[in-house]
N, C-alpha and C. Protein backbone atom coordinates (compact mmCIF):
# COMPACT_ATOMS: atom_id res chain seq x y z
N UNK A 1 0.84 -1.18 0.00
CA UNK A 1 0.00 0.00 0.00
C UNK A 1 0.88 1.25 0.00
N UNK A 2 0.63 2.15 -0.94
CA UNK A 2 1.41 3.38 -1.04
C UNK A 2 0.72 4.48 -0.25
N UNK A 3 1.51 5.28 0.43
CA UNK A 3 0.94 6.45 1.11
C UNK A 3 1.46 7.70 0.43
N UNK A 4 0.57 8.62 0.20
CA UNK A 4 0.92 9.86 -0.45
C UNK A 4 0.84 11.01 0.54
N UNK A 5 1.85 11.84 0.52
CA UNK A 5 1.82 13.03 1.36
C UNK A 5 1.06 14.13 0.61
N UNK A 6 0.32 14.92 1.35
CA UNK A 6 -0.36 16.06 0.74
C UNK A 6 0.68 17.10 0.36
N UNK A 7 0.50 17.70 -0.79
CA UNK A 7 1.42 18.75 -1.23
C UNK A 7 1.23 19.97 -0.34
N UNK A 8 2.34 20.59 0.02
CA UNK A 8 2.27 21.76 0.90
C UNK A 8 2.76 23.00 0.17
N UNK A 9 2.32 24.14 0.65
CA UNK A 9 2.68 25.44 0.08
C UNK A 9 4.19 25.65 0.18
N UNK A 10 4.76 26.17 -0.88
CA UNK A 10 6.21 26.42 -0.92
C UNK A 10 6.63 27.56 0.01
N UNK A 11 5.69 28.34 0.49
CA UNK A 11 6.00 29.48 1.35
C UNK A 11 5.68 29.21 2.82
N UNK A 12 4.45 28.74 3.12
CA UNK A 12 4.01 28.67 4.51
C UNK A 12 3.72 27.26 5.03
N UNK A 13 3.89 26.25 4.21
CA UNK A 13 3.69 24.85 4.60
C UNK A 13 2.23 24.45 4.85
N UNK A 14 1.27 25.29 4.46
CA UNK A 14 -0.14 24.90 4.51
C UNK A 14 -0.41 24.04 3.27
N UNK A 15 -1.54 23.32 3.25
CA UNK A 15 -1.86 22.52 2.06
C UNK A 15 -2.01 23.40 0.82
N UNK A 16 -1.51 22.91 -0.30
CA UNK A 16 -1.62 23.66 -1.57
C UNK A 16 -3.07 23.77 -1.99
N UNK A 17 -3.40 24.87 -2.65
CA UNK A 17 -4.71 25.05 -3.26
C UNK A 17 -4.55 24.82 -4.76
N UNK A 18 -5.46 24.10 -5.35
CA UNK A 18 -5.39 23.77 -6.78
C UNK A 18 -5.20 25.03 -7.63
N UNK A 19 -5.89 26.10 -7.30
CA UNK A 19 -5.84 27.33 -8.09
C UNK A 19 -4.52 28.07 -7.99
N UNK A 20 -3.74 27.79 -6.95
CA UNK A 20 -2.51 28.57 -6.72
C UNK A 20 -1.25 27.70 -6.66
N UNK A 21 -1.31 26.46 -7.14
CA UNK A 21 -0.15 25.56 -7.07
C UNK A 21 1.13 26.27 -7.47
N UNK A 22 2.21 26.13 -6.80
CA UNK A 22 2.49 25.30 -5.63
C UNK A 22 2.24 26.03 -4.31
N UNK A 23 1.33 26.98 -4.31
CA UNK A 23 1.04 27.79 -3.12
C UNK A 23 -0.35 27.48 -2.58
N UNK A 24 -0.65 28.04 -1.41
CA UNK A 24 -1.96 27.83 -0.80
C UNK A 24 -2.92 28.98 -1.09
N UNK A 25 -2.37 30.14 -1.48
CA UNK A 25 -3.21 31.32 -1.65
C UNK A 25 -2.53 32.34 -2.55
N UNK A 26 -3.30 33.36 -2.92
CA UNK A 26 -2.73 34.45 -3.72
C UNK A 26 -1.67 35.20 -2.91
N UNK A 27 -1.87 35.28 -1.61
CA UNK A 27 -0.90 35.98 -0.75
C UNK A 27 0.48 35.31 -0.84
N UNK A 28 0.52 33.99 -0.69
CA UNK A 28 1.81 33.29 -0.76
C UNK A 28 2.41 33.39 -2.17
N UNK A 29 1.56 33.38 -3.18
CA UNK A 29 2.03 33.53 -4.55
C UNK A 29 2.72 34.89 -4.73
N UNK A 30 2.12 35.96 -4.15
CA UNK A 30 2.71 37.29 -4.24
C UNK A 30 3.98 37.41 -3.41
N UNK A 31 4.03 36.74 -2.27
CA UNK A 31 5.25 36.73 -1.46
C UNK A 31 6.39 36.13 -2.27
N UNK A 32 6.12 35.02 -2.96
CA UNK A 32 7.14 34.37 -3.78
C UNK A 32 7.59 35.30 -4.91
N UNK A 33 6.64 35.96 -5.57
CA UNK A 33 6.99 36.90 -6.63
C UNK A 33 7.89 38.00 -6.09
N UNK A 34 7.55 38.53 -4.93
CA UNK A 34 8.37 39.57 -4.30
C UNK A 34 9.78 39.07 -4.01
N UNK A 35 9.90 37.81 -3.59
CA UNK A 35 11.23 37.23 -3.35
C UNK A 35 12.04 37.19 -4.63
N UNK A 36 11.40 36.84 -5.75
CA UNK A 36 12.11 36.82 -7.03
C UNK A 36 12.54 38.23 -7.42
N UNK A 37 11.63 39.18 -7.29
CA UNK A 37 11.93 40.57 -7.68
C UNK A 37 13.06 41.14 -6.83
N UNK A 38 13.05 40.83 -5.53
CA UNK A 38 14.09 41.34 -4.64
C UNK A 38 15.43 40.63 -4.83
N UNK A 39 15.45 39.55 -5.61
CA UNK A 39 16.69 38.82 -5.85
C UNK A 39 17.03 37.83 -4.76
N UNK A 40 16.05 37.48 -3.93
CA UNK A 40 16.31 36.53 -2.84
C UNK A 40 16.65 35.14 -3.32
N UNK A 41 16.28 34.80 -4.55
CA UNK A 41 16.52 33.45 -5.07
C UNK A 41 17.74 33.37 -5.97
N UNK A 42 18.51 34.42 -6.06
CA UNK A 42 19.68 34.40 -6.96
C UNK A 42 20.75 33.45 -6.41
N UNK A 43 21.50 32.92 -7.33
CA UNK A 43 22.61 32.05 -6.96
C UNK A 43 23.87 32.89 -6.80
N UNK A 44 24.60 32.68 -5.75
CA UNK A 44 25.83 33.44 -5.57
C UNK A 44 26.83 33.12 -6.68
N UNK A 45 27.53 34.15 -7.12
CA UNK A 45 28.49 33.95 -8.20
C UNK A 45 29.62 34.97 -8.08
N UNK A 46 30.78 34.54 -8.45
CA UNK A 46 31.93 35.43 -8.49
C UNK A 46 32.09 36.05 -9.88
N UNK A 47 31.27 35.58 -10.82
CA UNK A 47 31.35 36.04 -12.20
C UNK A 47 30.89 37.50 -12.32
N UNK A 48 31.69 38.28 -13.00
CA UNK A 48 31.37 39.70 -13.21
C UNK A 48 30.90 39.86 -14.65
N UNK A 49 29.77 40.59 -14.86
CA UNK A 49 29.29 40.76 -16.24
C UNK A 49 30.30 41.57 -17.07
N UNK A 50 30.36 41.23 -18.35
CA UNK A 50 31.28 41.96 -19.24
C UNK A 50 30.72 43.35 -19.53
N UNK A 51 31.56 44.22 -20.04
CA UNK A 51 31.11 45.58 -20.39
C UNK A 51 29.99 45.52 -21.43
N UNK A 52 30.09 44.57 -22.37
CA UNK A 52 29.06 44.44 -23.41
C UNK A 52 27.72 44.05 -22.80
N UNK A 53 27.73 43.14 -21.82
CA UNK A 53 26.48 42.74 -21.16
C UNK A 53 25.86 43.90 -20.40
N UNK A 54 26.69 44.68 -19.73
CA UNK A 54 26.19 45.84 -18.99
C UNK A 54 25.61 46.86 -19.95
N UNK A 55 26.26 47.09 -21.07
CA UNK A 55 25.77 48.03 -22.07
C UNK A 55 24.45 47.55 -22.66
N UNK A 56 24.34 46.26 -22.97
CA UNK A 56 23.09 45.70 -23.49
C UNK A 56 21.94 45.91 -22.51
N UNK A 57 22.20 45.66 -21.24
CA UNK A 57 21.16 45.84 -20.22
C UNK A 57 20.77 47.31 -20.11
N UNK A 58 21.76 48.20 -20.13
CA UNK A 58 21.49 49.64 -20.04
C UNK A 58 20.63 50.11 -21.20
N UNK A 59 20.97 49.67 -22.40
CA UNK A 59 20.20 50.05 -23.59
C UNK A 59 18.77 49.53 -23.48
N UNK A 60 18.62 48.29 -23.05
CA UNK A 60 17.30 47.69 -22.89
C UNK A 60 16.46 48.49 -21.88
N UNK A 61 17.06 48.85 -20.75
CA UNK A 61 16.33 49.62 -19.73
C UNK A 61 15.94 50.99 -20.25
N UNK A 62 16.83 51.66 -20.99
CA UNK A 62 16.50 52.97 -21.55
C UNK A 62 15.37 52.89 -22.56
N UNK A 63 15.40 51.86 -23.41
CA UNK A 63 14.34 51.70 -24.41
C UNK A 63 12.99 51.46 -23.75
N UNK A 64 12.98 50.66 -22.69
CA UNK A 64 11.73 50.40 -21.98
C UNK A 64 11.24 51.64 -21.25
N UNK A 65 12.15 52.46 -20.76
CA UNK A 65 11.77 53.69 -20.07
C UNK A 65 11.14 54.67 -21.05
N UNK A 66 11.68 54.73 -22.27
CA UNK A 66 11.14 55.64 -23.29
C UNK A 66 9.74 55.23 -23.72
N UNK A 67 9.44 53.94 -23.69
CA UNK A 67 8.12 53.44 -24.08
C UNK A 67 7.06 53.80 -23.04
N UNK A 68 7.48 54.00 -21.81
CA UNK A 68 6.53 54.29 -20.71
C UNK A 68 5.98 55.69 -20.78
């Protein structure tokens, strides 16, 4: 006989809600989004971006700012 564990929320350990998988609620979903935006999930790295990568990002940000 196999036993299955109930899936739990990735943020608060409550049971997952079908509508918000892998979370239990919209609140936990937004908390996770905020963690991504704040960079809490980034992987540590010693790698430094090249000048070309920095320039590409700067150009992209300026173009998006002009569209706003």
